[in-house]
């Protein structure tokens, strides 16, 4: 994914969606999670890439607590 090619607003939206998906998975007591955020490394990689790009753009954000 070309993270630098996205607008800042889009990156902030992606970041909030990762956070929301993680929250929903964590709140789900079933072992079968909706999104599998903690089960698939791709989610963490995407979050890290977005956060790195937001840092480069000097945009404040709340890091996702993994």
PDB file of N, CA and C in Angstrom:
ATOM      1  N   UNK A   1       0.847  -1.165   0.000  1.00  0.00           N
ATOM      2  CA  UNK A   1       0.000   0.000   0.000  1.00  0.00           C
ATOM      3  C   UNK A   1       0.901   1.239   0.000  1.00  0.00           C
ATOM      4  N   UNK A   2       0.565   2.201  -0.795  1.00  0.00           N
ATOM      5  CA  UNK A   2       1.347   3.428  -0.909  1.00  0.00           C
ATOM      6  C   UNK A   2       0.892   4.437   0.157  1.00  0.00           C
ATOM      7  N   UNK A   3       1.321   4.224   1.381  1.00  0.00           N
ATOM      8  CA  UNK A   3       0.900   5.070   2.501  1.00  0.00           C
ATOM      9  C   UNK A   3       1.200   6.547   2.246  1.00  0.00           C
ATOM     10  N   UNK A   4       2.392   6.925   1.761  1.00  0.00           N
ATOM     11  CA  UNK A   4       2.656   8.349   1.527  1.00  0.00           C
ATOM     12  C   UNK A   4       1.740   8.979   0.480  1.00  0.00           C
ATOM     13  N   UNK A   5       1.130   8.176  -0.356  1.00  0.00           N
ATOM     14  CA  UNK A   5       0.269   8.699  -1.403  1.00  0.00           C
ATOM     15  C   UNK A   5      -1.119   9.103  -0.930  1.00  0.00           C
ATOM     16  N   UNK A   6      -1.471   8.737   0.295  1.00  0.00           N
ATOM     17  CA  UNK A   6      -2.788   9.080   0.823  1.00  0.00           C
ATOM     18  C   UNK A   6      -2.773  10.457   1.466  1.00  0.00           C
ATOM     19  N   UNK A   7      -3.924  11.089   1.464  1.00  0.00           N
ATOM     20  CA  UNK A   7      -4.040  12.386   2.138  1.00  0.00           C
ATOM     21  C   UNK A   7      -3.951  12.168   3.645  1.00  0.00           C
ATOM     22  N   UNK A   8      -3.642  13.230   4.351  1.00  0.00           N
ATOM     23  CA  UNK A   8      -3.567  13.152   5.808  1.00  0.00           C
ATOM     24  C   UNK A   8      -4.915  12.739   6.388  1.00  0.00           C
ATOM     25  N   UNK A   9      -5.991  13.293   5.854  1.00  0.00           N
ATOM     26  CA  UNK A   9      -7.329  12.945   6.342  1.00  0.00           C
ATOM     27  C   UNK A   9      -7.612  11.455   6.151  1.00  0.00           C
ATOM     28  N   UNK A  10      -7.215  10.911   5.019  1.00  0.00           N
ATOM     29  CA  UNK A  10      -7.433   9.483   4.763  1.00  0.00           C
ATOM     30  C   UNK A  10      -6.621   8.635   5.740  1.00  0.00           C
ATOM     31  N   UNK A  11      -5.379   9.026   5.997  1.00  0.00           N
ATOM     32  CA  UNK A  11      -4.548   8.279   6.946  1.00  0.00           C
ATOM     33  C   UNK A  11      -5.142   8.320   8.344  1.00  0.00           C
ATOM     34  N   UNK A  12      -5.647   9.464   8.733  1.00  0.00           N
ATOM     35  CA  UNK A  12      -6.278   9.577  10.053  1.00  0.00           C
ATOM     36  C   UNK A  12      -7.523   8.694  10.123  1.00  0.00           C
ATOM     37  N   UNK A  13      -8.267   8.628   9.035  1.00  0.00           N
ATOM     38  CA  UNK A  13      -9.450   7.782   8.988  1.00  0.00           C
ATOM     39  C   UNK A  13      -9.055   6.308   9.062  1.00  0.00           C
ATOM     40  N   UNK A  14      -8.050   5.899   8.288  1.00  0.00           N
ATOM     41  CA  UNK A  14      -7.567   4.514   8.339  1.00  0.00           C
ATOM     42  C   UNK A  14      -7.135   4.160   9.760  1.00  0.00           C
ATOM     43  N   UNK A  15      -6.400   5.070  10.378  1.00  0.00           N
ATOM     44  CA  UNK A  15      -5.882   4.831  11.726  1.00  0.00           C
ATOM     45  C   UNK A  15      -7.040   4.644  12.710  1.00  0.00           C
ATOM     46  N   UNK A  16      -8.048   5.474  12.597  1.00  0.00           N
ATOM     47  CA  UNK A  16      -9.190   5.349  13.510  1.00  0.00           C
ATOM     48  C   UNK A  16      -9.953   4.048  13.255  1.00  0.00           C
ATOM     49  N   UNK A  17      -9.990   3.601  12.013  1.00  0.00           N
ATOM     50  CA  UNK A  17     -10.675   2.342  11.696  1.00  0.00           C
ATOM     51  C   UNK A  17      -9.917   1.143  12.262  1.00  0.00           C
ATOM     52  N   UNK A  18      -8.593   1.190  12.228  1.00  0.00           N
ATOM     53  CA  UNK A  18      -7.804   0.119  12.843  1.00  0.00           C
ATOM     54  C   UNK A  18      -8.089   0.096  14.346  1.00  0.00           C
ATOM     55  N   UNK A  19      -8.071   1.271  14.982  1.00  0.00           N
ATOM     56  CA  UNK A  19      -8.341   1.376  16.414  1.00  0.00           C
ATOM     57  C   UNK A  19      -9.734   0.831  16.740  1.00  0.00           C
ATOM     58  N   UNK A  20     -10.729   1.206  15.943  1.00  0.00           N
ATOM     59  CA  UNK A  20     -12.104   0.759  16.163  1.00  0.00           C
ATOM     60  C   UNK A  20     -12.228  -0.750  15.984  1.00  0.00           C
ATOM     61  N   UNK A  21     -11.577  -1.293  14.977  1.00  0.00           N
ATOM     62  CA  UNK A  21     -11.621  -2.738  14.735  1.00  0.00           C
ATOM     63  C   UNK A  21     -10.976  -3.499  15.883  1.00  0.00           C
ATOM     64  N   UNK A  22      -9.864  -2.992  16.379  1.00  0.00           N
ATOM     65  CA  UNK A  22      -9.182  -3.610  17.520  1.00  0.00           C
ATOM     66  C   UNK A  22     -10.094  -3.579  18.749  1.00  0.00           C
ATOM     67  N   UNK A  23     -10.730  -2.438  18.996  1.00  0.00           N
ATOM     68  CA  UNK A  23     -11.635  -2.309  20.138  1.00  0.00           C
ATOM     69  C   UNK A  23     -12.782  -3.312  20.039  1.00  0.00           C
ATOM     70  N   UNK A  24     -13.364  -3.418  18.851  1.00  0.00           N
ATOM     71  CA  UNK A  24     -14.483  -4.351  18.668  1.00  0.00           C
ATOM     72  C   UNK A  24     -14.044  -5.796  18.890  1.00  0.00           C
ATOM     73  N   UNK A  25     -12.877  -6.153  18.379  1.00  0.00           N
ATOM     74  CA  UNK A  25     -12.356  -7.500  18.612  1.00  0.00           C
ATOM     75  C   UNK A  25     -12.122  -7.745  20.096  1.00  0.00           C
ATOM     76  N   UNK A  26     -11.520  -6.778  20.774  1.00  0.00           N
ATOM     77  CA  UNK A  26     -11.213  -6.949  22.195  1.00  0.00           C
ATOM     78  C   UNK A  26     -12.471  -7.035  23.053  1.00  0.00           C
ATOM     79  N   UNK A  27     -13.522  -6.356  22.645  1.00  0.00           N
ATOM     80  CA  UNK A  27     -14.783  -6.386  23.398  1.00  0.00           C
ATOM     81  C   UNK A  27     -15.602  -7.648  23.127  1.00  0.00           C
ATOM     82  N   UNK A  28     -15.276  -8.353  22.076  1.00  0.00           N
ATOM     83  CA  UNK A  28     -16.004  -9.564  21.704  1.00  0.00           C
ATOM     84  C   UNK A  28     -15.475 -10.737  22.544  1.00  0.00           C
ATOM     85  N   UNK A  29     -16.321 -11.310  23.434  1.00  0.00           N
ATOM     86  CA  UNK A  29     -15.843 -12.400  24.293  1.00  0.00           C
ATOM     87  C   UNK A  29     -15.621 -13.719  23.556  1.00  0.00           C
ATOM     88  N   UNK A  30     -16.175 -13.845  22.383  1.00  0.00           N
ATOM     89  CA  UNK A  30     -16.030 -15.076  21.611  1.00  0.00           C
ATOM     90  C   UNK A  30     -14.588 -15.239  21.123  1.00  0.00           C
ATOM     91  N   UNK A  31     -14.102 -16.470  21.079  1.00  0.00           N
ATOM     92  CA  UNK A  31     -12.756 -16.685  20.525  1.00  0.00           C
ATOM     93  C   UNK A  31     -12.696 -16.388  19.021  1.00  0.00           C
ATOM     94  N   UNK A  32     -13.848 -16.396  18.368  1.00  0.00           N
ATOM     95  CA  UNK A  32     -13.922 -16.069  16.946  1.00  0.00           C
ATOM     96  C   UNK A  32     -14.119 -14.570  16.809  1.00  0.00           C
ATOM     97  N   UNK A  33     -13.046 -13.849  16.569  1.00  0.00           N
ATOM     98  CA  UNK A  33     -13.094 -12.396  16.489  1.00  0.00           C
ATOM     99  C   UNK A  33     -13.619 -11.951  15.132  1.00  0.00           C
ATOM    100  N   UNK A  34     -14.207 -10.781  15.107  1.00  0.00           N
ATOM    101  CA  UNK A  34     -14.807 -10.258  13.886  1.00  0.00           C
ATOM    102  C   UNK A  34     -13.741  -9.957  12.836  1.00  0.00           C
ATOM    103  N   UNK A  35     -12.685  -9.257  13.251  1.00  0.00           N
ATOM    104  CA  UNK A  35     -11.673  -8.778  12.312  1.00  0.00           C
ATOM    105  C   UNK A  35     -10.328  -9.506  12.424  1.00  0.00           C
ATOM    106  N   UNK A  36     -10.064 -10.106  13.544  1.00  0.00           N
ATOM    107  CA  UNK A  36      -8.788 -10.799  13.729  1.00  0.00           C
ATOM    108  C   UNK A  36      -7.605  -9.852  13.802  1.00  0.00           C
ATOM    109  N   UNK A  37      -7.806  -8.687  14.406  1.00  0.00           N
ATOM    110  CA  UNK A  37      -6.764  -7.659  14.431  1.00  0.00           C
ATOM    111  C   UNK A  37      -5.504  -8.153  15.129  1.00  0.00           C
ATOM    112  N   UNK A  38      -5.660  -8.834  16.233  1.00  0.00           N
ATOM    113  CA  UNK A  38      -4.472  -9.336  16.950  1.00  0.00           C
ATOM    114  C   UNK A  38      -3.921 -10.618  16.320  1.00  0.00           C
ATOM    115  N   UNK A  39      -4.732 -11.312  15.558  1.00  0.00           N
ATOM    116  CA  UNK A  39      -4.319 -12.587  14.966  1.00  0.00           C
ATOM    117  C   UNK A  39      -3.494 -12.419  13.695  1.00  0.00           C
ATOM    118  N   UNK A  40      -3.685 -11.308  12.997  1.00  0.00           N
ATOM    119  CA  UNK A  40      -3.007 -11.108  11.717  1.00  0.00           C
ATOM    120  C   UNK A  40      -2.045  -9.927  11.801  1.00  0.00           C
ATOM    121  N   UNK A  41      -0.785 -10.194  11.563  1.00  0.00           N
ATOM    122  CA  UNK A  41       0.274  -9.185  11.666  1.00  0.00           C
ATOM    123  C   UNK A  41       0.055  -8.001  10.715  1.00  0.00           C
ATOM    124  N   UNK A  42      -0.660  -8.210   9.638  1.00  0.00           N
ATOM    125  CA  UNK A  42      -0.901  -7.138   8.667  1.00  0.00           C
ATOM    126  C   UNK A  42      -1.543  -5.910   9.302  1.00  0.00           C
ATOM    127  N   UNK A  43      -2.427  -6.130  10.265  1.00  0.00           N
ATOM    128  CA  UNK A  43      -3.082  -5.006  10.944  1.00  0.00           C
ATOM    129  C   UNK A  43      -2.039  -4.141  11.652  1.00  0.00           C
ATOM    130  N   UNK A  44      -1.138  -4.783  12.383  1.00  0.00           N
ATOM    131  CA  UNK A  44      -0.098  -4.057  13.121  1.00  0.00           C
ATOM    132  C   UNK A  44       0.847  -3.345  12.161  1.00  0.00           C
ATOM    133  N   UNK A  45       1.207  -4.034  11.093  1.00  0.00           N
ATOM    134  CA  UNK A  45       2.094  -3.431  10.092  1.00  0.00           C
ATOM    135  C   UNK A  45       1.458  -2.189   9.478  1.00  0.00           C
ATOM    136  N   UNK A  46       0.166  -2.275   9.162  1.00  0.00           N
ATOM    137  CA  UNK A  46      -0.539  -1.135   8.591  1.00  0.00           C
ATOM    138  C   UNK A  46      -0.582   0.021   9.586  1.00  0.00           C
ATOM    139  N   UNK A  47      -0.922  -0.280  10.810  1.00  0.00           N
ATOM    140  CA  UNK A  47      -0.980   0.746  11.848  1.00  0.00           C
ATOM    141  C   UNK A  47       0.373   1.425  12.024  1.00  0.00           C
ATOM    142  N   UNK A  48       1.436   0.635  12.088  1.00  0.00           N
ATOM    143  CA  UNK A  48       2.783   1.197  12.252  1.00  0.00           C
ATOM    144  C   UNK A  48       3.157   2.096  11.077  1.00  0.00           C
ATOM    145  N   UNK A  49       2.817   1.672   9.865  1.00  0.00           N
ATOM    146  CA  UNK A  49       3.131   2.474   8.675  1.00  0.00           C
ATOM    147  C   UNK A  49       2.355   3.786   8.674  1.00  0.00           C
ATOM    148  N   UNK A  50       1.107   3.727   9.061  1.00  0.00           N
ATOM    149  CA  UNK A  50       0.290   4.945   9.125  1.00  0.00           C
ATOM    150  C   UNK A  50       0.845   5.892  10.184  1.00  0.00           C
ATOM    151  N   UNK A  51       1.159   5.367  11.350  1.00  0.00           N
ATOM    152  CA  UNK A  51       1.689   6.205  12.423  1.00  0.00           C
ATOM    153  C   UNK A  51       3.020   6.839  12.025  1.00  0.00           C
ATOM    154  N   UNK A  52       3.853   6.091  11.339  1.00  0.00           N
ATOM    155  CA  UNK A  52       5.135   6.628  10.881  1.00  0.00           C
ATOM    156  C   UNK A  52       4.923   7.776   9.900  1.00  0.00           C
ATOM    157  N   UNK A  53       3.985   7.609   8.987  1.00  0.00           N
ATOM    158  CA  UNK A  53       3.710   8.667   8.012  1.00  0.00           C
ATOM    159  C   UNK A  53       3.104   9.897   8.697  1.00  0.00           C
ATOM    160  N   UNK A  54       2.239   9.686   9.667  1.00  0.00           N
ATOM    161  CA  UNK A  54       1.678  10.821  10.400  1.00  0.00           C
ATOM    162  C   UNK A  54       2.778  11.577  11.159  1.00  0.00           C
ATOM    163  N   UNK A  55       3.737  10.831  11.700  1.00  0.00           N
ATOM    164  CA  UNK A  55       4.891  11.481  12.367  1.00  0.00           C
ATOM    165  C   UNK A  55       5.663  12.339  11.378  1.00  0.00           C
ATOM    166  N   UNK A  56       5.931  11.792  10.202  1.00  0.00           N
ATOM    167  CA  UNK A  56       6.665  12.533   9.177  1.00  0.00           C
ATOM    168  C   UNK A  56       5.953  13.820   8.798  1.00  0.00           C
ATOM    169  N   UNK A  57       4.618  13.761   8.823  1.00  0.00           N
ATOM    170  CA  UNK A  57       3.812  14.932   8.465  1.00  0.00           C
ATOM    171  C   UNK A  57       3.562  15.849   9.665  1.00  0.00           C
ATOM    172  N   UNK A  58       4.117  15.470  10.791  1.00  0.00           N
ATOM    173  CA  UNK A  58       3.985  16.235  12.034  1.00  0.00           C
ATOM    174  C   UNK A  58       2.519  16.421  12.433  1.00  0.00           C
ATOM    175  N   UNK A  59       1.769  15.345  12.275  1.00  0.00           N
ATOM    176  CA  UNK A  59       0.357  15.323  12.654  1.00  0.00           C
ATOM    177  C   UNK A  59       0.246  14.593  13.984  1.00  0.00           C
ATOM    178  N   UNK A  60      -0.425  15.201  14.945  1.00  0.00           N
ATOM    179  CA  UNK A  60      -0.581  14.528  16.230  1.00  0.00           C
ATOM    180  C   UNK A  60      -1.661  13.448  16.124  1.00  0.00           C
ATOM    181  N   UNK A  61      -1.457  12.374  16.861  1.00  0.00           N
ATOM    182  CA  UNK A  61      -2.386  11.247  16.867  1.00  0.00           C
ATOM    183  C   UNK A  61      -2.152  10.488  18.161  1.00  0.00           C
ATOM    184  N   UNK A  62      -3.110   9.669  18.517  1.00  0.00           N
ATOM    185  CA  UNK A  62      -2.968   8.813  19.689  1.00  0.00           C
ATOM    186  C   UNK A  62      -2.496   7.438  19.206  1.00  0.00           C
ATOM    187  N   UNK A  63      -1.289   7.049  19.580  1.00  0.00           N
ATOM    188  CA  UNK A  63      -0.794   5.734  19.149  1.00  0.00           C
ATOM    189  C   UNK A  63      -1.712   4.610  19.622  1.00  0.00           C
ATOM    190  N   UNK A  64      -1.797   3.589  18.828  1.00  0.00           N
ATOM    191  CA  UNK A  64      -2.612   2.436  19.208  1.00  0.00           C
ATOM    192  C   UNK A  64      -1.817   1.612  20.198  1.00  0.00           C
ATOM    193  N   UNK A  65      -2.448   1.310  21.328  1.00  0.00           N
ATOM    194  CA  UNK A  65      -1.815   0.490  22.374  1.00  0.00           C
ATOM    195  C   UNK A  65      -2.060  -0.979  22.060  1.00  0.00           C
ATOM    196  N   UNK A  66      -1.034  -1.634  21.607  1.00  0.00           N
ATOM    197  CA  UNK A  66      -1.157  -3.037  21.245  1.00  0.00           C
ATOM    198  C   UNK A  66      -0.900  -3.898  22.454  1.00  0.00           C
TER     199      UNK A  66
END
